[in-house]
Amino acid sequence: MNILDIIILIPLLYGLIRGLVKGLVHELTAMVAVAAGVIGARIWAPHLAWQLAEMITMKPEVAQVISYCLVFLGIALTLHLIGKLFTKMLSAISLGGLNRVLGGLFGLTKWALITSIILNGFAFLDNKFHILKPEMKTESIAYEPVKQIASVAWKQVQEAGD
């Protein structure tokens, strides 16, 4: 195990621990809240901006920014609260431990994918600028397996779309 392995394993360990602490429901609702907040803000912010500009005297550009933030925060906060409620319900029926274990697996998987995407970008730069010594990559235990995660995930997404 070399320094490259340690650098690769740090975000994986972070994802595992964060997932164990937060649980699957929190991890999923956080991801969904961001996506739904962005999509919802794109859809509803222009309508809210128009109403804000009429109710309060302000430039339309300012109303647009304020309405985008309000819609995003409203959706994200609502989904966060729903996730908290669902987590409490799981704990009440003694499934809190399962929620945490699955959260750890989900967090590890999520951060493995993020790390893989970063490694692929780094590999592209390394091919051009030779940042790492070749033996550092070949001696690494985690470099190639983690780097391959993004391409495997991408193939799965493409196959699911067909």
Foldseek 3Di string as FASTA:
>chain_A
DDPVQVVLCVQLVVLLVVQLVQFQLQVVLQVVLQVCLQVQLVVCLLVQLVVCCVVDPDDSVVSSVVSSVVSSVVSSVVSNVVSVVVLVVCVVVVNNNVRSNVRSVVSSLVSLLVSLVVLVVVVVVCVVVVPDDPVVQVVHPVNVVSVCSNVVVVVVVVVVVD
